[in-house]
Structures are given as structure tokens and as C-alpha cells.
């Protein structure tokens, strides 16, 4: 089974994943990637903008893995899947843009509140404007899309758009889930991820 690598959202909060990790099989290796200069993670000279943080995340991927990403962390996951398909064998995207243009969707503006809450954090996530849509059809590995049906930041329509663009994707909704459903509804999320992982049992 490939290693499960968890990518936080824009808060960089690695503890976000703890409830879910505790519910997934102990026999599976797990790793959470912390972002330099976010939270208590020390800064690194090589990480100074969104592009260099993307490269940092990519450098942490050194073996076969399945990336499980929250919100803006999904951009890193999609970029890694495009750059290293030899290592990235699967994606689980939770409430993420996946790097598509959200201007066509009725999404709540999270960036102002983010800047007020995380005054001392870098603004790379706030200023990032990426559109990876033209490349999504190249992602051939299985993709599990998980969305909360009560999420104003990344509404279900965004997940449906990604399902349309990713060739091997399935979309599942978490009833009652808001943007942080992967933490608040960890049991429901764990059920979906364990079903998804069964297809990788023979992969070594």
C-alpha cells in the first residue's frame, strides 16, 4: 500500500488531520507535510512564495503515495500528480479548488477572513491565482472527490466540475459537512477513504 500523505489547507494546521488519521488502518504508513513558516513550522530560506512552497511539497514526495489534501492543499496535490505520476498513485481531494478558476462559481470569499485570522502568516495562499484546468485531463490515477453539502467556500458545484474534468474521479458528498468536514465528520470521511483504498491493496 502506498504511503498516505496529508496536505493541510491554507492554515497549515497539521492537527486538522488527526481525527481522520486515527480512524484509518494502522498498517498503512502516514505522513503529514507541514508548510514552512505556517503555524509552529520553522521557515526555510528556499521557501518564499507559492511556487517555492509547491516545489517544497513536491520534494517531500520520495516514494509511492496517495495524496489526501484539504482546500488549497489540493493545488499542491494536483501539481504533484502532474509532475510525479510515478510516485503519486492516487488523490483524495477534500473541498478544494484543485487549481481551477472559481470565478464562475458562487463561492464565499474566505481570503479577507483568512488575512485577519492569520496576521503573521505569509500571504501566498491569498495571492495565489492558478488555473490548472487544461492539464487535469492528464491525471489518469484514481481520484476521490469529497465535498460537504453545506460548504459555502467550495460548494458542491466545484466538486462536480472537477469530476467532469478528471478522467478517473468519483464524487461523494458528506451530508451536513461544511468546509472543515474532513475534521468534523472524520468518521464519514474515513469510510469513503477506506473504500477508495481497496483498489490499491495489490500495489507495492
C-alpha atoms as a PDB file:
ATOM      1  CA  UNK A   1       0.000   0.000   0.000  1.00  0.00           C
ATOM      2  CA  UNK A   2       1.393   3.448  -0.884  1.00  0.00           C
ATOM      3  CA  UNK A   3       2.060   5.913   1.924  1.00  0.00           C
ATOM      4  CA  UNK A   4      -0.808   8.249   2.740  1.00  0.00           C
ATOM      5  CA  UNK A   5       0.458  11.828   2.620  1.00  0.00           C
ATOM      6  CA  UNK A   6      -1.785  14.531   4.066  1.00  0.00           C
ATOM      7  CA  UNK A   7      -1.662  18.144   2.888  1.00  0.00           C
ATOM      8  CA  UNK A   8      -3.268  20.860   5.075  1.00  0.00           C
ATOM      9  CA  UNK A   9      -5.232  23.804   3.764  1.00  0.00           C
ATOM     10  CA  UNK A  10      -4.190  27.446   3.844  1.00  0.00           C
ATOM     11  CA  UNK A  11      -3.969  27.487   7.651  1.00  0.00           C
ATOM     12  CA  UNK A  12      -1.145  24.955   7.504  1.00  0.00           C
ATOM     13  CA  UNK A  13      -2.758  23.261  10.512  1.00  0.00           C
ATOM     14  CA  UNK A  14      -1.373  19.717  10.522  1.00  0.00           C
ATOM     15  CA  UNK A  15      -3.529  18.771  13.541  1.00  0.00           C
ATOM     16  CA  UNK A  16      -6.579  19.160  11.284  1.00  0.00           C
ATOM     17  CA  UNK A  17      -5.898  15.633  10.048  1.00  0.00           C
ATOM     18  CA  UNK A  18      -5.524  13.932  13.445  1.00  0.00           C
ATOM     19  CA  UNK A  19      -9.140  12.735  13.835  1.00  0.00           C
ATOM     20  CA  UNK A  20      -9.096  11.174  10.366  1.00  0.00           C
ATOM     21  CA  UNK A  21      -5.636   9.630  10.694  1.00  0.00           C
ATOM     22  CA  UNK A  22      -6.681   7.845  13.888  1.00  0.00           C
ATOM     23  CA  UNK A  23      -9.553   6.197  12.006  1.00  0.00           C
ATOM     24  CA  UNK A  24      -7.509   4.873   9.081  1.00  0.00           C
ATOM     25  CA  UNK A  25      -5.735   1.478   9.151  1.00  0.00           C
ATOM     26  CA  UNK A  26      -2.645   1.303  11.377  1.00  0.00           C
ATOM     27  CA  UNK A  27      -0.904  -0.890   8.818  1.00  0.00           C
ATOM     28  CA  UNK A  28      -0.747   2.000   6.353  1.00  0.00           C
ATOM     29  CA  UNK A  29       2.169   4.442   6.597  1.00  0.00           C
ATOM     30  CA  UNK A  30       1.040   8.033   7.070  1.00  0.00           C
ATOM     31  CA  UNK A  31       2.810  11.363   6.735  1.00  0.00           C
ATOM     32  CA  UNK A  32       1.609  14.945   7.192  1.00  0.00           C
ATOM     33  CA  UNK A  33       3.503  17.635   5.323  1.00  0.00           C
ATOM     34  CA  UNK A  34       3.924  20.865   7.291  1.00  0.00           C
ATOM     35  CA  UNK A  35       4.403  24.128   5.431  1.00  0.00           C
ATOM     36  CA  UNK A  36       7.471  26.184   6.450  1.00  0.00           C
ATOM     37  CA  UNK A  37       6.576  29.458   8.207  1.00  0.00           C
ATOM     38  CA  UNK A  38       2.981  28.382   8.855  1.00  0.00           C
ATOM     39  CA  UNK A  39       1.955  27.793  12.467  1.00  0.00           C
ATOM     40  CA  UNK A  40       4.881  26.472  14.502  1.00  0.00           C
ATOM     41  CA  UNK A  41       6.784  25.181  11.492  1.00  0.00           C
ATOM     42  CA  UNK A  42      10.159  26.968  11.118  1.00  0.00           C
ATOM     43  CA  UNK A  43      10.754  28.988   7.981  1.00  0.00           C
ATOM     44  CA  UNK A  44      13.211  27.827   5.323  1.00  0.00           C
ATOM     45  CA  UNK A  45      15.221  30.101   3.017  1.00  0.00           C
ATOM     46  CA  UNK A  46      14.227  28.043  -0.022  1.00  0.00           C
ATOM     47  CA  UNK A  47      10.507  28.668   0.593  1.00  0.00           C
ATOM     48  CA  UNK A  48       9.465  32.268  -0.080  1.00  0.00           C
ATOM     49  CA  UNK A  49       6.372  32.198  -2.326  1.00  0.00           C
ATOM     50  CA  UNK A  50       3.628  29.884  -3.555  1.00  0.00           C
ATOM     51  CA  UNK A  51       5.766  28.384  -6.320  1.00  0.00           C
ATOM     52  CA  UNK A  52       8.665  27.561  -3.981  1.00  0.00           C
ATOM     53  CA  UNK A  53       6.246  26.104  -1.432  1.00  0.00           C
ATOM     54  CA  UNK A  54       4.821  23.920  -4.207  1.00  0.00           C
ATOM     55  CA  UNK A  55       8.332  22.759  -5.003  1.00  0.00           C
ATOM     56  CA  UNK A  56       8.998  22.093  -1.306  1.00  0.00           C
ATOM     57  CA  UNK A  57       5.911  19.897  -1.088  1.00  0.00           C
ATOM     58  CA  UNK A  58       6.974  18.047  -4.222  1.00  0.00           C
ATOM     59  CA  UNK A  59      10.415  17.360  -2.731  1.00  0.00           C
ATOM     60  CA  UNK A  60       8.794  15.655   0.277  1.00  0.00           C
ATOM     61  CA  UNK A  61       7.317  13.024  -2.050  1.00  0.00           C
ATOM     62  CA  UNK A  62      10.014  10.394  -2.490  1.00  0.00           C
ATOM     63  CA  UNK A  63       8.068   7.139  -2.804  1.00  0.00           C
ATOM     64  CA  UNK A  64       4.726   5.796  -3.981  1.00  0.00           C
ATOM     65  CA  UNK A  65       1.939   7.619  -2.210  1.00  0.00           C
ATOM     66  CA  UNK A  66      -1.666   8.694  -2.162  1.00  0.00           C
ATOM     67  CA  UNK A  67      -2.130  12.408  -1.501  1.00  0.00           C
ATOM     68  CA  UNK A  68      -5.015  13.480   0.734  1.00  0.00           C
ATOM     69  CA  UNK A  69      -5.484  17.238   0.514  1.00  0.00           C
ATOM     70  CA  UNK A  70      -7.692  19.837   2.184  1.00  0.00           C
ATOM     71  CA  UNK A  71      -8.856  23.014   0.442  1.00  0.00           C
ATOM     72  CA  UNK A  72      -5.907  24.964  -1.025  1.00  0.00           C
ATOM     73  CA  UNK A  73      -3.646  21.999  -0.333  1.00  0.00           C
ATOM     74  CA  UNK A  74      -5.398  20.388  -3.266  1.00  0.00           C
ATOM     75  CA  UNK A  75      -3.471  22.644  -5.618  1.00  0.00           C
ATOM     76  CA  UNK A  76      -0.215  21.112  -4.382  1.00  0.00           C
ATOM     77  CA  UNK A  77      -1.726  17.645  -4.752  1.00  0.00           C
ATOM     78  CA  UNK A  78      -2.775  18.247  -8.349  1.00  0.00           C
ATOM     79  CA  UNK A  79       0.589  19.792  -9.227  1.00  0.00           C
ATOM     80  CA  UNK A  80       2.388  16.801  -7.697  1.00  0.00           C
ATOM     81  CA  UNK A  81       0.177  14.354  -9.593  1.00  0.00           C
ATOM     82  CA  UNK A  82       1.074  16.115 -12.833  1.00  0.00           C
ATOM     83  CA  UNK A  83       4.789  16.357 -12.038  1.00  0.00           C
ATOM     84  CA  UNK A  84       5.358  12.916 -10.452  1.00  0.00           C
ATOM     85  CA  UNK A  85       2.819  10.363 -11.710  1.00  0.00           C
ATOM     86  CA  UNK A  86       5.442   7.681 -10.998  1.00  0.00           C
ATOM     87  CA  UNK A  87       5.108   8.406  -7.266  1.00  0.00           C
ATOM     88  CA  UNK A  88       1.577   9.784  -6.918  1.00  0.00           C
ATOM     89  CA  UNK A  89      -0.733   6.792  -7.362  1.00  0.00           C
ATOM     90  CA  UNK A  90      -3.959   8.404  -6.150  1.00  0.00           C
ATOM     91  CA  UNK A  91      -5.592  11.620  -4.976  1.00  0.00           C
ATOM     92  CA  UNK A  92      -8.201  12.346  -2.342  1.00  0.00           C
ATOM     93  CA  UNK A  93      -9.311  15.950  -2.707  1.00  0.00           C
ATOM     94  CA  UNK A  94     -11.417  17.445   0.089  1.00  0.00           C
ATOM     95  CA  UNK A  95     -13.265  20.724  -0.508  1.00  0.00           C
ATOM     96  CA  UNK A  96     -10.576  22.007  -2.833  1.00  0.00           C
ATOM     97  CA  UNK A  97     -10.412  24.115  -5.955  1.00  0.00           C
ATOM     98  CA  UNK A  98      -7.872  21.676  -7.383  1.00  0.00           C
ATOM     99  CA  UNK A  99      -6.391  24.659  -9.149  1.00  0.00           C
ATOM    100  CA  UNK A 100      -9.394  25.517 -11.308  1.00  0.00           C
ATOM    101  CA  UNK A 101     -10.746  29.022 -11.849  1.00  0.00           C
ATOM    102  CA  UNK A 102     -13.544  29.606  -9.320  1.00  0.00           C
ATOM    103  CA  UNK A 103     -14.812  32.875 -10.794  1.00  0.00           C
ATOM    104  CA  UNK A 104     -17.753  31.098 -12.433  1.00  0.00           C
ATOM    105  CA  UNK A 105     -18.976  29.672  -9.105  1.00  0.00           C
ATOM    106  CA  UNK A 106     -20.914  31.243  -6.244  1.00  0.00           C
ATOM    107  CA  UNK A 107     -18.185  30.878  -3.631  1.00  0.00           C
ATOM    108  CA  UNK A 108     -17.808  32.702  -0.335  1.00  0.00           C
ATOM    109  CA  UNK A 109     -14.771  34.962  -0.103  1.00  0.00           C
ATOM    110  CA  UNK A 110     -12.504  33.368   2.514  1.00  0.00           C
ATOM    111  CA  UNK A 111      -9.408  35.444   1.853  1.00  0.00           C
ATOM    112  CA  UNK A 112     -10.297  38.547   3.909  1.00  0.00           C
ATOM    113  CA  UNK A 113     -11.188  36.473   6.955  1.00  0.00           C
ATOM    114  CA  UNK A 114      -8.018  34.421   6.474  1.00  0.00           C
ATOM    115  CA  UNK A 115      -5.823  37.529   6.473  1.00  0.00           C
ATOM    116  CA  UNK A 116      -7.459  38.785   9.667  1.00  0.00           C
ATOM    117  CA  UNK A 117      -7.144  35.436  11.449  1.00  0.00           C
ATOM    118  CA  UNK A 118      -3.589  34.634  10.370  1.00  0.00           C
ATOM    119  CA  UNK A 119      -1.935  38.034  10.606  1.00  0.00           C
ATOM    120  CA  UNK A 120       1.610  36.699  10.826  1.00  0.00           C
ATOM    121  CA  UNK A 121       1.314  34.057   8.121  1.00  0.00           C
ATOM    122  CA  UNK A 122       2.693  34.505   4.603  1.00  0.00           C
ATOM    123  CA  UNK A 123       0.066  35.678   2.115  1.00  0.00           C
ATOM    124  CA  UNK A 124       0.977  33.136  -0.570  1.00  0.00           C
ATOM    125  CA  UNK A 125      -2.348  31.333  -0.441  1.00  0.00           C
ATOM    126  CA  UNK A 126      -4.304  34.577  -0.597  1.00  0.00           C
ATOM    127  CA  UNK A 127      -2.430  35.861  -3.635  1.00  0.00           C
ATOM    128  CA  UNK A 128      -2.274  32.541  -5.498  1.00  0.00           C
ATOM    129  CA  UNK A 129      -4.288  32.565  -8.717  1.00  0.00           C
ATOM    130  CA  UNK A 130      -3.754  29.338 -10.646  1.00  0.00           C
ATOM    131  CA  UNK A 131      -5.792  27.628 -13.332  1.00  0.00           C
ATOM    132  CA  UNK A 132      -4.668  24.064 -13.971  1.00  0.00           C
ATOM    133  CA  UNK A 133      -7.843  23.154 -15.883  1.00  0.00           C
ATOM    134  CA  UNK A 134      -6.106  22.499 -19.224  1.00  0.00           C
ATOM    135  CA  UNK A 135      -3.895  19.873 -17.576  1.00  0.00           C
ATOM    136  CA  UNK A 136      -6.455  17.997 -15.480  1.00  0.00           C
ATOM    137  CA  UNK A 137      -7.276  15.516 -18.248  1.00  0.00           C
ATOM    138  CA  UNK A 138      -3.682  14.255 -17.977  1.00  0.00           C
ATOM    139  CA  UNK A 139      -4.303  12.954 -14.443  1.00  0.00           C
ATOM    140  CA  UNK A 140      -5.049   9.291 -15.033  1.00  0.00           C
ATOM    141  CA  UNK A 141      -4.822   7.919 -11.473  1.00  0.00           C
ATOM    142  CA  UNK A 142      -7.980   7.290  -9.418  1.00  0.00           C
ATOM    143  CA  UNK A 143      -9.270  10.435  -7.726  1.00  0.00           C
ATOM    144  CA  UNK A 144     -11.719  10.538  -4.826  1.00  0.00           C
ATOM    145  CA  UNK A 145     -13.522  13.871  -4.542  1.00  0.00           C
ATOM    146  CA  UNK A 146     -15.089  14.556  -1.145  1.00  0.00           C
ATOM    147  CA  UNK A 147     -17.345  17.568  -0.642  1.00  0.00           C
ATOM    148  CA  UNK A 148     -19.534  18.849   2.166  1.00  0.00           C
ATOM    149  CA  UNK A 149     -23.052  19.654   1.038  1.00  0.00           C
ATOM    150  CA  UNK A 150     -23.108  22.750   3.277  1.00  0.00           C
ATOM    151  CA  UNK A 151     -19.799  24.290   2.219  1.00  0.00           C
ATOM    152  CA  UNK A 152     -20.049  27.947   1.087  1.00  0.00           C
ATOM    153  CA  UNK A 153     -16.311  28.227   0.385  1.00  0.00           C
ATOM    154  CA  UNK A 154     -16.088  25.296  -2.026  1.00  0.00           C
ATOM    155  CA  UNK A 155     -19.677  24.396  -2.950  1.00  0.00           C
ATOM    156  CA  UNK A 156     -20.704  21.076  -4.463  1.00  0.00           C
ATOM    157  CA  UNK A 157     -20.684  22.609  -7.956  1.00  0.00           C
ATOM    158  CA  UNK A 158     -16.879  22.901  -7.735  1.00  0.00           C
ATOM    159  CA  UNK A 159     -16.590  19.186  -6.971  1.00  0.00           C
ATOM    160  CA  UNK A 160     -18.905  18.409  -9.874  1.00  0.00           C
ATOM    161  CA  UNK A 161     -16.749  20.489 -12.202  1.00  0.00           C
ATOM    162  CA  UNK A 162     -13.629  18.623 -11.095  1.00  0.00           C
ATOM    163  CA  UNK A 163     -15.387  15.290 -11.548  1.00  0.00           C
ATOM    164  CA  UNK A 164     -16.148  16.294 -15.122  1.00  0.00           C
ATOM    165  CA  UNK A 165     -12.516  17.236 -15.825  1.00  0.00           C
ATOM    166  CA  UNK A 166     -10.680  14.405 -14.038  1.00  0.00           C
ATOM    167  CA  UNK A 167     -10.993  11.201 -16.101  1.00  0.00           C
ATOM    168  CA  UNK A 168     -10.876   8.671 -13.216  1.00  0.00           C
ATOM    169  CA  UNK A 169     -12.744  10.520 -10.472  1.00  0.00           C
ATOM    170  CA  UNK A 170     -15.682   9.838  -8.189  1.00  0.00           C
ATOM    171  CA  UNK A 171     -17.536  12.449  -6.161  1.00  0.00           C
ATOM    172  CA  UNK A 172     -19.057  11.711  -2.751  1.00  0.00           C
ATOM    173  CA  UNK A 173     -20.925  14.212  -0.592  1.00  0.00           C
ATOM    174  CA  UNK A 174     -20.659  14.417   3.186  1.00  0.00           C
ATOM    175  CA  UNK A 175     -24.124  15.275   4.489  1.00  0.00           C
ATOM    176  CA  UNK A 176     -24.104  18.344   6.722  1.00  0.00           C
ATOM    177  CA  UNK A 177     -20.429  18.976   6.033  1.00  0.00           C
ATOM    178  CA  UNK A 178     -19.036  22.495   5.898  1.00  0.00           C
ATOM    179  CA  UNK A 179     -15.558  23.424   4.684  1.00  0.00           C
ATOM    180  CA  UNK A 180     -13.889  21.591   7.584  1.00  0.00           C
ATOM    181  CA  UNK A 181     -15.884  18.388   7.208  1.00  0.00           C
ATOM    182  CA  UNK A 182     -12.738  16.220   6.987  1.00  0.00           C
ATOM    183  CA  UNK A 183     -12.092  17.109  10.638  1.00  0.00           C
ATOM    184  CA  UNK A 184     -15.660  17.444  11.935  1.00  0.00           C
ATOM    185  CA  UNK A 185     -17.050  14.405  10.090  1.00  0.00           C
ATOM    186  CA  UNK A 186     -13.903  12.295  10.191  1.00  0.00           C
ATOM    187  CA  UNK A 187     -15.807   9.015  10.603  1.00  0.00           C
ATOM    188  CA  UNK A 188     -17.812   9.563   7.412  1.00  0.00           C
ATOM    189  CA  UNK A 189     -14.677  10.607   5.551  1.00  0.00           C
ATOM    190  CA  UNK A 190     -12.752   7.574   6.816  1.00  0.00           C
ATOM    191  CA  UNK A 191     -15.444   5.243   5.453  1.00  0.00           C
ATOM    192  CA  UNK A 192     -15.148   6.740   1.981  1.00  0.00           C
ATOM    193  CA  UNK A 193     -11.341   6.729   2.010  1.00  0.00           C
ATOM    194  CA  UNK A 194     -11.148   3.102   3.149  1.00  0.00           C
ATOM    195  CA  UNK A 195     -13.446   2.087   0.286  1.00  0.00           C
ATOM    196  CA  UNK A 196     -11.232   4.048  -2.083  1.00  0.00           C
ATOM    197  CA  UNK A 197      -8.043   2.426  -0.740  1.00  0.00           C
ATOM    198  CA  UNK A 198      -9.213  -1.125  -1.523  1.00  0.00           C
ATOM    199  CA  UNK A 199      -8.161  -0.676  -5.156  1.00  0.00           C
ATOM    200  CA  UNK A 200      -4.546  -0.180  -4.059  1.00  0.00           C
ATOM    201  CA  UNK A 201      -4.180  -3.358  -1.999  1.00  0.00           C
ATOM    202  CA  UNK A 202      -2.056  -5.054  -4.626  1.00  0.00           C
ATOM    203  CA  UNK A 203       0.201  -2.072  -5.229  1.00  0.00           C
ATOM    204  CA  UNK A 204       3.671  -2.299  -3.705  1.00  0.00           C
END
